[in-house]
Amino acid sequence: MKKILILSIVAVMVLSLGLVAFAEADTSTETPAWFTEMIQWKKDQVQKAVDAKQITKEQAELYMERFDYMEKYHQENGFGFPNGCGFGGGGRGFGGMMRGFNGVAPRTNSW
C-alpha cells in the first residue's frame, strides 16, 4: 500500500513539473531560422508567380507588405501562443466551434 502511495505521489510531482515547463511561454523576440526561411520562400514564390504572369505586380506588392508586417509583428511580440489553445482561444480547447456550449441549439423537424 505504501509503495502505491509513494509511486502515485512521485508520478503527480513529475507530471506537475512537466505542466509548468509546458505552460512557460516563449517570449523571446529573436527570429528563428525556420521563420526567416519560410518568409523568404514565400517571397520567392510570389516573385515566381509574377514572372509567370499568374498574379499582377500590385497583387505581389500586397503579398510583400503582408510578409513584412508578419516579420515586424513577430519581432515585436515573439513567437508564442497569445490566446491559448484551440480555435476559440482562452485555453478551452476548440472553444466556439459549432456554437460551443453557450450557443442556441438549431431547430429540428423532430416532434
PDB file of N, CA and C in Angstrom:
ATOM      1  N   MET A   1       0.824  -1.193   0.000  1.00  0.00           N
ATOM      2  CA  MET A   1       0.000   0.000   0.000  1.00  0.00           C
ATOM      3  C   MET A   1       0.869   1.259   0.000  1.00  0.00           C
ATOM      4  N   LYS A   2       1.940   1.232   0.817  1.00  0.00           N
ATOM      5  CA  LYS A   2       2.820   2.396   0.885  1.00  0.00           C
ATOM      6  C   LYS A   2       3.526   2.624  -0.447  1.00  0.00           C
ATOM      7  N   LYS A   3       3.891   1.534  -1.127  1.00  0.00           N
ATOM      8  CA  LYS A   3       4.575   1.666  -2.412  1.00  0.00           C
ATOM      9  C   LYS A   3       3.672   2.352  -3.439  1.00  0.00           C
ATOM     10  N   ILE A   4       2.423   1.961  -3.461  1.00  0.00           N
ATOM     11  CA  ILE A   4       1.480   2.554  -4.412  1.00  0.00           C
ATOM     12  C   ILE A   4       1.290   4.030  -4.106  1.00  0.00           C
ATOM     13  N   LEU A   5       1.182   4.368  -2.835  1.00  0.00           N
ATOM     14  CA  LEU A   5       1.004   5.760  -2.436  1.00  0.00           C
ATOM     15  C   LEU A   5       2.228   6.594  -2.819  1.00  0.00           C
ATOM     16  N   ILE A   6       3.404   6.077  -2.554  1.00  0.00           N
ATOM     17  CA  ILE A   6       4.635   6.802  -2.877  1.00  0.00           C
ATOM     18  C   ILE A   6       4.784   6.956  -4.389  1.00  0.00           C
ATOM     19  N   LEU A   7       4.524   5.891  -5.148  1.00  0.00           N
ATOM     20  CA  LEU A   7       4.607   5.974  -6.604  1.00  0.00           C
ATOM     21  C   LEU A   7       3.584   6.962  -7.164  1.00  0.00           C
ATOM     22  N   SER A   8       2.411   7.002  -6.592  1.00  0.00           N
ATOM     23  CA  SER A   8       1.385   7.950  -7.044  1.00  0.00           C
ATOM     24  C   SER A   8       1.822   9.386  -6.795  1.00  0.00           C
ATOM     25  N   ILE A   9       2.383   9.645  -5.625  1.00  0.00           N
ATOM     26  CA  ILE A   9       2.843  10.995  -5.298  1.00  0.00           C
ATOM     27  C   ILE A   9       3.980  11.409  -6.223  1.00  0.00           C
ATOM     28  N   VAL A  10       4.918  10.504  -6.467  1.00  0.00           N
ATOM     29  CA  VAL A  10       6.033  10.804  -7.362  1.00  0.00           C
ATOM     30  C   VAL A  10       5.519  11.078  -8.779  1.00  0.00           C
ATOM     31  N   ALA A  11       4.563  10.278  -9.243  1.00  0.00           N
ATOM     32  CA  ALA A  11       4.013  10.483 -10.587  1.00  0.00           C
ATOM     33  C   ALA A  11       3.322  11.834 -10.700  1.00  0.00           C
ATOM     34  N   VAL A  12       2.570  12.219  -9.686  1.00  0.00           N
ATOM     35  CA  VAL A  12       1.889  13.515  -9.700  1.00  0.00           C
ATOM     36  C   VAL A  12       2.911  14.647  -9.714  1.00  0.00           C
ATOM     37  N   MET A  13       3.979  14.512  -8.940  1.00  0.00           N
ATOM     38  CA  MET A  13       5.002  15.558  -8.907  1.00  0.00           C
ATOM     39  C   MET A  13       5.700  15.693 -10.262  1.00  0.00           C
ATOM     40  N   VAL A  14       6.031  14.569 -10.882  1.00  0.00           N
ATOM     41  CA  VAL A  14       6.704  14.603 -12.181  1.00  0.00           C
ATOM     42  C   VAL A  14       5.796  15.232 -13.231  1.00  0.00           C
ATOM     43  N   LEU A  15       4.527  14.852 -13.243  1.00  0.00           N
ATOM     44  CA  LEU A  15       3.592  15.421 -14.216  1.00  0.00           C
ATOM     45  C   LEU A  15       3.363  16.905 -13.976  1.00  0.00           C
ATOM     46  N   SER A  16       3.323  17.319 -12.720  1.00  0.00           N
ATOM     47  CA  SER A  16       3.104  18.742 -12.448  1.00  0.00           C
ATOM     48  C   SER A  16       4.307  19.575 -12.891  1.00  0.00           C
ATOM     49  N   LEU A  17       5.514  19.045 -12.761  1.00  0.00           N
ATOM     50  CA  LEU A  17       6.693  19.760 -13.252  1.00  0.00           C
ATOM     51  C   LEU A  17       6.654  19.881 -14.771  1.00  0.00           C
ATOM     52  N   GLY A  18       6.165  18.855 -15.442  1.00  0.00           N
ATOM     53  CA  GLY A  18       6.034  18.911 -16.891  1.00  0.00           C
ATOM     54  C   GLY A  18       5.033  19.964 -17.327  1.00  0.00           C
ATOM     55  N   LEU A  19       3.949  20.106 -16.584  1.00  0.00           N
ATOM     56  CA  LEU A  19       2.946  21.119 -16.918  1.00  0.00           C
ATOM     57  C   LEU A  19       3.501  22.527 -16.751  1.00  0.00           C
ATOM     58  N   VAL A  20       4.292  22.737 -15.718  1.00  0.00           N
ATOM     59  CA  VAL A  20       4.886  24.057 -15.507  1.00  0.00           C
ATOM     60  C   VAL A  20       5.835  24.388 -16.653  1.00  0.00           C
ATOM     61  N   ALA A  21       6.630  23.421 -17.066  1.00  0.00           N
ATOM     62  CA  ALA A  21       7.562  23.654 -18.171  1.00  0.00           C
ATOM     63  C   ALA A  21       6.811  23.884 -19.477  1.00  0.00           C
ATOM     64  N   PHE A  22       5.698  23.177 -19.672  1.00  0.00           N
ATOM     65  CA  PHE A  22       4.910  23.337 -20.895  1.00  0.00           C
ATOM     66  C   PHE A  22       4.202  24.680 -20.927  1.00  0.00           C
ATOM     67  N   ALA A  23       3.763  25.158 -19.777  1.00  0.00           N
ATOM     68  CA  ALA A  23       2.991  26.400 -19.711  1.00  0.00           C
ATOM     69  C   ALA A  23       3.858  27.641 -19.886  1.00  0.00           C
ATOM     70  N   GLU A  24       5.149  27.511 -19.719  1.00  0.00           N
ATOM     71  CA  GLU A  24       6.028  28.669 -19.859  1.00  0.00           C
ATOM     72  C   GLU A  24       6.017  29.149 -21.304  1.00  0.00           C
ATOM     73  N   ALA A  25       5.677  30.392 -21.506  1.00  0.00           N
ATOM     74  CA  ALA A  25       5.556  30.951 -22.856  1.00  0.00           C
ATOM     75  C   ALA A  25       6.923  31.343 -23.395  1.00  0.00           C
ATOM     76  N   ASP A  26       7.057  31.231 -24.696  1.00  0.00           N
ATOM     77  CA  ASP A  26       8.276  31.665 -25.364  1.00  0.00           C
ATOM     78  C   ASP A  26       8.140  33.154 -25.655  1.00  0.00           C
ATOM     79  N   THR A  27       8.829  33.961 -24.868  1.00  0.00           N
ATOM     80  CA  THR A  27       8.710  35.412 -25.021  1.00  0.00           C
ATOM     81  C   THR A  27       9.914  36.018 -25.730  1.00  0.00           C
ATOM     82  N   SER A  28      10.787  35.179 -26.259  1.00  0.00           N
ATOM     83  CA  SER A  28      11.965  35.717 -26.935  1.00  0.00           C
ATOM     84  C   SER A  28      11.546  36.370 -28.250  1.00  0.00           C
ATOM     85  N   THR A  29      12.217  37.448 -28.584  1.00  0.00           N
ATOM     86  CA  THR A  29      11.898  38.155 -29.821  1.00  0.00           C
ATOM     87  C   THR A  29      12.939  37.882 -30.898  1.00  0.00           C
ATOM     88  N   GLU A  30      13.836  36.949 -30.640  1.00  0.00           N
ATOM     89  CA  GLU A  30      14.831  36.581 -31.644  1.00  0.00           C
ATOM     90  C   GLU A  30      14.141  35.776 -32.744  1.00  0.00           C
ATOM     91  N   THR A  31      14.357  36.153 -33.979  1.00  0.00           N
ATOM     92  CA  THR A  31      13.696  35.495 -35.100  1.00  0.00           C
ATOM     93  C   THR A  31      14.360  34.152 -35.376  1.00  0.00           C
ATOM     94  N   PRO A  32      13.590  33.046 -35.286  1.00  0.00           N
ATOM     95  CA  PRO A  32      14.173  31.733 -35.564  1.00  0.00           C
ATOM     96  C   PRO A  32      14.493  31.573 -37.051  1.00  0.00           C
ATOM     97  N   ALA A  33      15.435  30.701 -37.331  1.00  0.00           N
ATOM     98  CA  ALA A  33      15.865  30.486 -38.716  1.00  0.00           C
ATOM     99  C   ALA A  33      14.729  29.940 -39.570  1.00  0.00           C
ATOM    100  N   TRP A  34      13.895  29.052 -38.996  1.00  0.00           N
ATOM    101  CA  TRP A  34      12.812  28.470 -39.782  1.00  0.00           C
ATOM    102  C   TRP A  34      11.832  29.543 -40.253  1.00  0.00           C
ATOM    103  N   PHE A  35      11.615  30.574 -39.422  1.00  0.00           N
ATOM    104  CA  PHE A  35      10.674  31.632 -39.796  1.00  0.00           C
ATOM    105  C   PHE A  35      11.249  32.483 -40.923  1.00  0.00           C
ATOM    106  N   THR A  36      12.524  32.815 -40.801  1.00  0.00           N
ATOM    107  CA  THR A  36      13.186  33.602 -41.845  1.00  0.00           C
ATOM    108  C   THR A  36      13.171  32.849 -43.173  1.00  0.00           C
ATOM    109  N   GLU A  37      13.450  31.545 -43.116  1.00  0.00           N
ATOM    110  CA  GLU A  37      13.435  30.728 -44.331  1.00  0.00           C
ATOM    111  C   GLU A  37      12.033  30.650 -44.924  1.00  0.00           C
ATOM    112  N   MET A  38      11.015  30.538 -44.063  1.00  0.00           N
ATOM    113  CA  MET A  38       9.639  30.457 -44.537  1.00  0.00           C
ATOM    114  C   MET A  38       9.229  31.742 -45.257  1.00  0.00           C
ATOM    115  N   ILE A  39       9.553  32.887 -44.658  1.00  0.00           N
ATOM    116  CA  ILE A  39       9.199  34.171 -45.269  1.00  0.00           C
ATOM    117  C   ILE A  39       9.926  34.340 -46.602  1.00  0.00           C
ATOM    118  N   GLN A  40      11.199  33.973 -46.634  1.00  0.00           N
ATOM    119  CA  GLN A  40      11.960  34.093 -47.884  1.00  0.00           C
ATOM    120  C   GLN A  40      11.381  33.181 -48.959  1.00  0.00           C
ATOM    121  N   TRP A  41      10.981  31.963 -48.579  1.00  0.00           N
ATOM    122  CA  TRP A  41      10.383  31.034 -49.540  1.00  0.00           C
ATOM    123  C   TRP A  41       9.087  31.618 -50.102  1.00  0.00           C
ATOM    124  N   LYS A  42       8.264  32.200 -49.231  1.00  0.00           N
ATOM    125  CA  LYS A  42       7.005  32.796 -49.686  1.00  0.00           C
ATOM    126  C   LYS A  42       7.259  33.954 -50.652  1.00  0.00           C
ATOM    127  N   LYS A  43       8.240  34.779 -50.325  1.00  0.00           N
ATOM    128  CA  LYS A  43       8.571  35.895 -51.216  1.00  0.00           C
ATOM    129  C   LYS A  43       9.068  35.387 -52.568  1.00  0.00           C
ATOM    130  N   ASP A  44       9.865  34.319 -52.552  1.00  0.00           N
ATOM    131  CA  ASP A  44      10.341  33.729 -53.810  1.00  0.00           C
ATOM    132  C   ASP A  44       9.178  33.186 -54.639  1.00  0.00           C
ATOM    133  N   GLN A  45       8.212  32.560 -53.967  1.00  0.00           N
ATOM    134  CA  GLN A  45       7.055  32.019 -54.677  1.00  0.00           C
ATOM    135  C   GLN A  45       6.223  33.127 -55.313  1.00  0.00           C
ATOM    136  N   VAL A  46       6.075  34.230 -54.606  1.00  0.00           N
ATOM    137  CA  VAL A  46       5.336  35.367 -55.162  1.00  0.00           C
ATOM    138  C   VAL A  46       6.067  35.914 -56.379  1.00  0.00           C
ATOM    139  N   GLN A  47       7.387  36.014 -56.299  1.00  0.00           N
ATOM    140  CA  GLN A  47       8.159  36.518 -57.439  1.00  0.00           C
ATOM    141  C   GLN A  47       8.042  35.578 -58.636  1.00  0.00           C
ATOM    142  N   LYS A  48       8.052  34.273 -58.380  1.00  0.00           N
ATOM    143  CA  LYS A  48       7.879  33.312 -59.474  1.00  0.00           C
ATOM    144  C   LYS A  48       6.501  33.462 -60.112  1.00  0.00           C
ATOM    145  N   ALA A  49       5.486  33.717 -59.291  1.00  0.00           N
ATOM    146  CA  ALA A  49       4.133  33.899 -59.825  1.00  0.00           C
ATOM    147  C   ALA A  49       4.047  35.159 -60.678  1.00  0.00           C
ATOM    148  N   VAL A  50       4.753  36.207 -60.275  1.00  0.00           N
ATOM    149  CA  VAL A  50       4.780  37.438 -61.085  1.00  0.00           C
ATOM    150  C   VAL A  50       5.486  37.165 -62.408  1.00  0.00           C
ATOM    151  N   ASP A  51       6.611  36.470 -62.352  1.00  0.00           N
ATOM    152  CA  ASP A  51       7.361  36.162 -63.571  1.00  0.00           C
ATOM    153  C   ASP A  51       6.548  35.295 -64.534  1.00  0.00           C
ATOM    154  N   ALA A  52       5.716  34.399 -63.973  1.00  0.00           N
ATOM    155  CA  ALA A  52       4.885  33.525 -64.804  1.00  0.00           C
ATOM    156  C   ALA A  52       3.566  34.193 -65.187  1.00  0.00           C
ATOM    157  N   LYS A  53       3.392  35.447 -64.773  1.00  0.00           N
ATOM    158  CA  LYS A  53       2.185  36.228 -65.065  1.00  0.00           C
ATOM    159  C   LYS A  53       0.919  35.587 -64.491  1.00  0.00           C
ATOM    160  N   GLN A  54       1.072  34.933 -63.334  1.00  0.00           N
ATOM    161  CA  GLN A  54      -0.081  34.355 -62.653  1.00  0.00           C
ATOM    162  C   GLN A  54      -0.753  35.380 -61.746  1.00  0.00           C
ATOM    163  N   ILE A  55       0.026  36.363 -61.276  1.00  0.00           N
ATOM    164  CA  ILE A  55      -0.517  37.462 -60.484  1.00  0.00           C
ATOM    165  C   ILE A  55       0.087  38.765 -60.994  1.00  0.00           C
ATOM    166  N   THR A  56      -0.571  39.863 -60.666  1.00  0.00           N
ATOM    167  CA  THR A  56      -0.076  41.172 -61.107  1.00  0.00           C
ATOM    168  C   THR A  56       0.966  41.695 -60.123  1.00  0.00           C
ATOM    169  N   LYS A  57       1.670  42.742 -60.520  1.00  0.00           N
ATOM    170  CA  LYS A  57       2.664  43.347 -59.631  1.00  0.00           C
ATOM    171  C   LYS A  57       1.992  43.981 -58.421  1.00  0.00           C
ATOM    172  N   GLU A  58       0.786  44.509 -58.604  1.00  0.00           N
ATOM    173  CA  GLU A  58       0.057  45.104 -57.479  1.00  0.00           C
ATOM    174  C   GLU A  58      -0.297  44.038 -56.448  1.00  0.00           C
ATOM    175  N   GLN A  59      -0.725  42.868 -56.926  1.00  0.00           N
ATOM    176  CA  GLN A  59      -1.019  41.769 -56.011  1.00  0.00           C
ATOM    177  C   GLN A  59       0.247  41.321 -55.284  1.00  0.00           C
ATOM    178  N   ALA A  60       1.354  41.271 -56.009  1.00  0.00           N
ATOM    179  CA  ALA A  60       2.625  40.875 -55.403  1.00  0.00           C
ATOM    180  C   ALA A  60       3.044  41.867 -54.325  1.00  0.00           C
ATOM    181  N   GLU A  61       2.820  43.154 -54.576  1.00  0.00           N
ATOM    182  CA  GLU A  61       3.163  44.165 -53.572  1.00  0.00           C
ATOM    183  C   GLU A  61       2.333  43.986 -52.304  1.00  0.00           C
ATOM    184  N   LEU A  62       1.057  43.632 -52.467  1.00  0.00           N
ATOM    185  CA  LEU A  62       0.219  43.377 -51.291  1.00  0.00           C
ATOM    186  C   LEU A  62       0.735  42.185 -50.490  1.00  0.00           C
ATOM    187  N   TYR A  63       1.142  41.124 -51.200  1.00  0.00           N
ATOM    188  CA  TYR A  63       1.719  39.967 -50.515  1.00  0.00           C
ATOM    189  C   TYR A  63       2.984  40.359 -49.758  1.00  0.00           C
ATOM    190  N   MET A  64       3.851  41.108 -50.414  1.00  0.00           N
ATOM    191  CA  MET A  64       5.115  41.512 -49.791  1.00  0.00           C
ATOM    192  C   MET A  64       4.875  42.388 -48.563  1.00  0.00           C
ATOM    193  N   GLU A  65       3.891  43.283 -48.643  1.00  0.00           N
ATOM    194  CA  GLU A  65       3.553  44.106 -47.475  1.00  0.00           C
ATOM    195  C   GLU A  65       3.089  43.224 -46.323  1.00  0.00           C
ATOM    196  N   ARG A  66       2.298  42.214 -46.638  1.00  0.00           N
ATOM    197  CA  ARG A  66       1.803  41.297 -45.606  1.00  0.00           C
ATOM    198  C   ARG A  66       2.957  40.522 -44.976  1.00  0.00           C
ATOM    199  N   PHE A  67       3.878  40.044 -45.789  1.00  0.00           N
ATOM    200  CA  PHE A  67       5.022  39.301 -45.259  1.00  0.00           C
ATOM    201  C   PHE A  67       5.883  40.192 -44.366  1.00  0.00           C
ATOM    202  N   ASP A  68       6.097  41.442 -44.794  1.00  0.00           N
ATOM    203  CA  ASP A  68       6.878  42.378 -43.983  1.00  0.00           C
ATOM    204  C   ASP A  68       6.176  42.662 -42.660  1.00  0.00           C
ATOM    205  N   TYR A  69       4.844  42.791 -42.708  1.00  0.00           N
ATOM    206  CA  TYR A  69       4.080  43.010 -41.481  1.00  0.00           C
ATOM    207  C   TYR A  69       4.217  41.819 -40.539  1.00  0.00           C
ATOM    208  N   MET A  70       4.166  40.601 -41.092  1.00  0.00           N
ATOM    209  CA  MET A  70       4.309  39.407 -40.266  1.00  0.00           C
ATOM    210  C   MET A  70       5.671  39.386 -39.573  1.00  0.00           C
ATOM    211  N   GLU A  71       6.721  39.718 -40.318  1.00  0.00           N
ATOM    212  CA  GLU A  71       8.062  39.746 -39.730  1.00  0.00           C
ATOM    213  C   GLU A  71       8.143  40.770 -38.602  1.00  0.00           C
ATOM    214  N   LYS A  72       7.637  41.960 -38.858  1.00  0.00           N
ATOM    215  CA  LYS A  72       7.678  43.027 -37.854  1.00  0.00           C
ATOM    216  C   LYS A  72       6.880  42.638 -36.614  1.00  0.00           C
ATOM    217  N   TYR A  73       5.698  42.067 -36.815  1.00  0.00           N
ATOM    218  CA  TYR A  73       4.849  41.667 -35.693  1.00  0.00           C
ATOM    219  C   TYR A  73       5.563  40.662 -34.795  1.00  0.00           C
ATOM    220  N   HIS A  74       6.155  39.640 -35.408  1.00  0.00           N
ATOM    221  CA  HIS A  74       6.813  38.604 -34.612  1.00  0.00           C
ATOM    222  C   HIS A  74       8.107  39.097 -33.973  1.00  0.00           C
ATOM    223  N   GLN A  75       8.770  40.061 -34.573  1.00  0.00           N
ATOM    224  CA  GLN A  75       9.954  40.634 -33.936  1.00  0.00           C
ATOM    225  C   GLN A  75       9.560  41.406 -32.683  1.00  0.00           C
ATOM    226  N   GLU A  76       8.403  42.049 -32.707  1.00  0.00           N
ATOM    227  CA  GLU A  76       7.949  42.825 -31.553  1.00  0.00           C
ATOM    228  C   GLU A  76       7.281  41.964 -30.492  1.00  0.00           C
ATOM    229  N   ASN A  77       6.566  40.907 -30.899  1.00  0.00           N
ATOM    230  CA  ASN A  77       5.729  40.154 -29.969  1.00  0.00           C
ATOM    231  C   ASN A  77       6.184  38.731 -29.706  1.00  0.00           C
ATOM    232  N   GLY A  78       7.216  38.273 -30.356  1.00  0.00           N
ATOM    233  CA  GLY A  78       7.686  36.920 -30.124  1.00  0.00           C
ATOM    234  C   GLY A  78       6.910  35.899 -30.938  1.00  0.00           C
ATOM    235  N   PHE A  79       7.133  34.629 -30.620  1.00  0.00           N
ATOM    236  CA  PHE A  79       6.544  33.544 -31.392  1.00  0.00           C
ATOM    237  C   PHE A  79       5.708  32.617 -30.530  1.00  0.00           C
ATOM    238  N   GLY A  80       5.234  33.069 -29.384  1.00  0.00           N
ATOM    239  CA  GLY A  80       4.415  32.243 -28.513  1.00  0.00           C
ATOM    240  C   GLY A  80       2.985  32.144 -29.001  1.00  0.00           C
ATOM    241  N   PHE A  81       2.134  31.514 -28.188  1.00  0.00           N
ATOM    242  CA  PHE A  81       0.719  31.369 -28.491  1.00  0.00           C
ATOM    243  C   PHE A  81      -0.041  32.354 -27.618  1.00  0.00           C
ATOM    244  N   PRO A  82      -0.492  33.479 -28.162  1.00  0.00           N
ATOM    245  CA  PRO A  82      -1.019  34.551 -27.335  1.00  0.00           C
ATOM    246  C   PRO A  82      -2.375  34.295 -26.700  1.00  0.00           C
ATOM    247  N   ASN A  83      -3.265  33.546 -27.328  1.00  0.00           N
ATOM    248  CA  ASN A  83      -4.623  33.421 -26.806  1.00  0.00           C
ATOM    249  C   ASN A  83      -4.982  32.018 -26.365  1.00  0.00           C
ATOM    250  N   GLY A  84      -4.039  31.237 -25.958  1.00  0.00           N
ATOM    251  CA  GLY A  84      -4.358  29.898 -25.509  1.00  0.00           C
ATOM    252  C   GLY A  84      -4.491  28.936 -26.673  1.00  0.00           C
ATOM    253  N   CYS A  85      -4.945  27.737 -26.352  1.00  0.00           N
ATOM    254  CA  CYS A  85      -5.020  26.677 -27.349  1.00  0.00           C
ATOM    255  C   CYS A  85      -6.391  26.625 -28.006  1.00  0.00           C
ATOM    256  N   GLY A  86      -6.468  25.977 -29.123  1.00  0.00           N
ATOM    257  CA  GLY A  86      -7.741  25.740 -29.778  1.00  0.00           C
ATOM    258  C   GLY A  86      -8.193  26.885 -30.654  1.00  0.00           C
ATOM    259  N   PHE A  87      -9.304  26.644 -31.337  1.00  0.00           N
ATOM    260  CA  PHE A  87      -9.826  27.627 -32.276  1.00  0.00           C
ATOM    261  C   PHE A  87     -10.398  28.842 -31.574  1.00  0.00           C
ATOM    262  N   GLY A  88     -11.058  28.652 -30.428  1.00  0.00           N
ATOM    263  CA  GLY A  88     -11.729  29.750 -29.759  1.00  0.00           C
ATOM    264  C   GLY A  88     -10.826  30.537 -28.839  1.00  0.00           C
ATOM    265  N   GLY A  89      -9.627  30.070 -28.605  1.00  0.00           N
ATOM    266  CA  GLY A  89      -8.716  30.760 -27.701  1.00  0.00           C
ATOM    267  C   GLY A  89      -9.136  30.590 -26.259  1.00  0.00           C
ATOM    268  N   GLY A  90      -8.493  31.285 -25.376  1.00  0.00           N
ATOM    269  CA  GLY A  90      -8.839  31.210 -23.966  1.00  0.00           C
ATOM    270  C   GLY A  90      -8.421  29.914 -23.307  1.00  0.00           C
ATOM    271  N   GLY A  91      -7.713  29.039 -24.014  1.00  0.00           N
ATOM    272  CA  GLY A  91      -7.225  27.810 -23.425  1.00  0.00           C
ATOM    273  C   GLY A  91      -8.296  26.773 -23.164  1.00  0.00           C
ATOM    274  N   ARG A  92      -9.433  26.855 -23.840  1.00  0.00           N
ATOM    275  CA  ARG A  92     -10.518  25.915 -23.590  1.00  0.00           C
ATOM    276  C   ARG A  92     -10.746  24.986 -24.771  1.00  0.00           C
ATOM    277  N   GLY A  93      -9.719  24.460 -25.337  1.00  0.00           N
ATOM    278  CA  GLY A  93      -9.889  23.516 -26.428  1.00  0.00           C
ATOM    279  C   GLY A  93     -10.429  24.167 -27.672  1.00  0.00           C
ATOM    280  N   PHE A  94     -11.465  23.581 -28.248  1.00  0.00           N
ATOM    281  CA  PHE A  94     -11.969  24.054 -29.522  1.00  0.00           C
ATOM    282  C   PHE A  94     -12.903  25.244 -29.397  1.00  0.00           C
ATOM    283  N   GLY A  95     -13.209  25.681 -28.193  1.00  0.00           N
ATOM    284  CA  GLY A  95     -13.938  26.926 -27.982  1.00  0.00           C
ATOM    285  C   GLY A  95     -15.279  26.986 -28.659  1.00  0.00           C
ATOM    286  N   GLY A  96     -15.494  27.973 -29.499  1.00  0.00           N
ATOM    287  CA  GLY A  96     -16.798  28.249 -30.058  1.00  0.00           C
ATOM    288  C   GLY A  96     -17.163  27.449 -31.288  1.00  0.00           C
ATOM    289  N   MET A  97     -16.518  26.357 -31.518  1.00  0.00           N
ATOM    290  CA  MET A  97     -16.822  25.561 -32.699  1.00  0.00           C
ATOM    291  C   MET A  97     -18.252  25.044 -32.622  1.00  0.00           C
ATOM    292  N   MET A  98     -18.999  25.186 -33.673  1.00  0.00           N
ATOM    293  CA  MET A  98     -20.395  24.738 -33.745  1.00  0.00           C
ATOM    294  C   MET A  98     -21.230  25.348 -32.619  1.00  0.00           C
ATOM    295  N   ARG A  99     -21.019  26.609 -32.343  1.00  0.00           N
ATOM    296  CA  ARG A  99     -21.705  27.396 -31.326  1.00  0.00           C
ATOM    297  C   ARG A  99     -21.303  27.012 -29.897  1.00  0.00           C
ATOM    298  N   GLY A 100     -20.412  26.069 -29.719  1.00  0.00           N
ATOM    299  CA  GLY A 100     -19.926  25.714 -28.390  1.00  0.00           C
ATOM    300  C   GLY A 100     -21.044  25.265 -27.465  1.00  0.00           C
ATOM    301  N   PHE A 101     -20.858  25.441 -26.177  1.00  0.00           N
ATOM    302  CA  PHE A 101     -21.864  25.048 -25.208  1.00  0.00           C
ATOM    303  C   PHE A 101     -22.806  26.192 -24.882  1.00  0.00           C
ATOM    304  N   ASN A 102     -22.461  27.402 -25.281  1.00  0.00           N
ATOM    305  CA  ASN A 102     -23.263  28.562 -24.926  1.00  0.00           C
ATOM    306  C   ASN A 102     -24.226  28.986 -26.023  1.00  0.00           C
ATOM    307  N   GLY A 103     -24.107  28.408 -27.189  1.00  0.00           N
ATOM    308  CA  GLY A 103     -24.950  28.822 -28.304  1.00  0.00           C
ATOM    309  C   GLY A 103     -26.320  28.176 -28.255  1.00  0.00           C
ATOM    310  N   VAL A 104     -27.238  28.722 -29.010  1.00  0.00           N
ATOM    311  CA  VAL A 104     -28.586  28.180 -29.101  1.00  0.00           C
ATOM    312  C   VAL A 104     -28.564  26.996 -30.045  1.00  0.00           C
ATOM    313  N   ALA A 105     -29.239  25.925 -29.650  1.00  0.00           N
ATOM    314  CA  ALA A 105     -29.292  24.738 -30.487  1.00  0.00           C
ATOM    315  C   ALA A 105     -30.145  25.009 -31.722  1.00  0.00           C
ATOM    316  N   PRO A 106     -29.773  24.468 -32.866  1.00  0.00           N
ATOM    317  CA  PRO A 106     -30.570  24.696 -34.070  1.00  0.00           C
ATOM    318  C   PRO A 106     -31.914  23.985 -33.982  1.00  0.00           C
ATOM    319  N   ARG A 107     -32.911  24.540 -34.659  1.00  0.00           N
ATOM    320  CA  ARG A 107     -34.236  23.917 -34.680  1.00  0.00           C
ATOM    321  C   ARG A 107     -34.179  22.651 -35.523  1.00  0.00           C
ATOM    322  N   THR A 108     -34.934  21.671 -35.106  1.00  0.00           N
ATOM    323  CA  THR A 108     -35.019  20.424 -35.863  1.00  0.00           C
ATOM    324  C   THR A 108     -36.471  20.162 -36.225  1.00  0.00           C
ATOM    325  N   ASN A 109     -36.694  19.210 -37.106  1.00  0.00           N
ATOM    326  CA  ASN A 109     -38.049  18.858 -37.515  1.00  0.00           C
ATOM    327  C   ASN A 109     -38.646  17.761 -36.656  1.00  0.00           C
ATOM    328  N   SER A 110     -37.904  17.275 -35.686  1.00  0.00           N
ATOM    329  CA  SER A 110     -38.418  16.190 -34.848  1.00  0.00           C
ATOM    330  C   SER A 110     -39.462  16.718 -33.878  1.00  0.00           C
ATOM    331  N   TRP A 111     -40.435  15.890 -33.544  1.00  0.00           N
ATOM    332  CA  TRP A 111     -41.533  16.293 -32.653  1.00  0.00           C
ATOM    333  C   TRP A 111     -41.210  15.885 -31.280  1.00  0.00           C
TER     334      TRP A 111
END
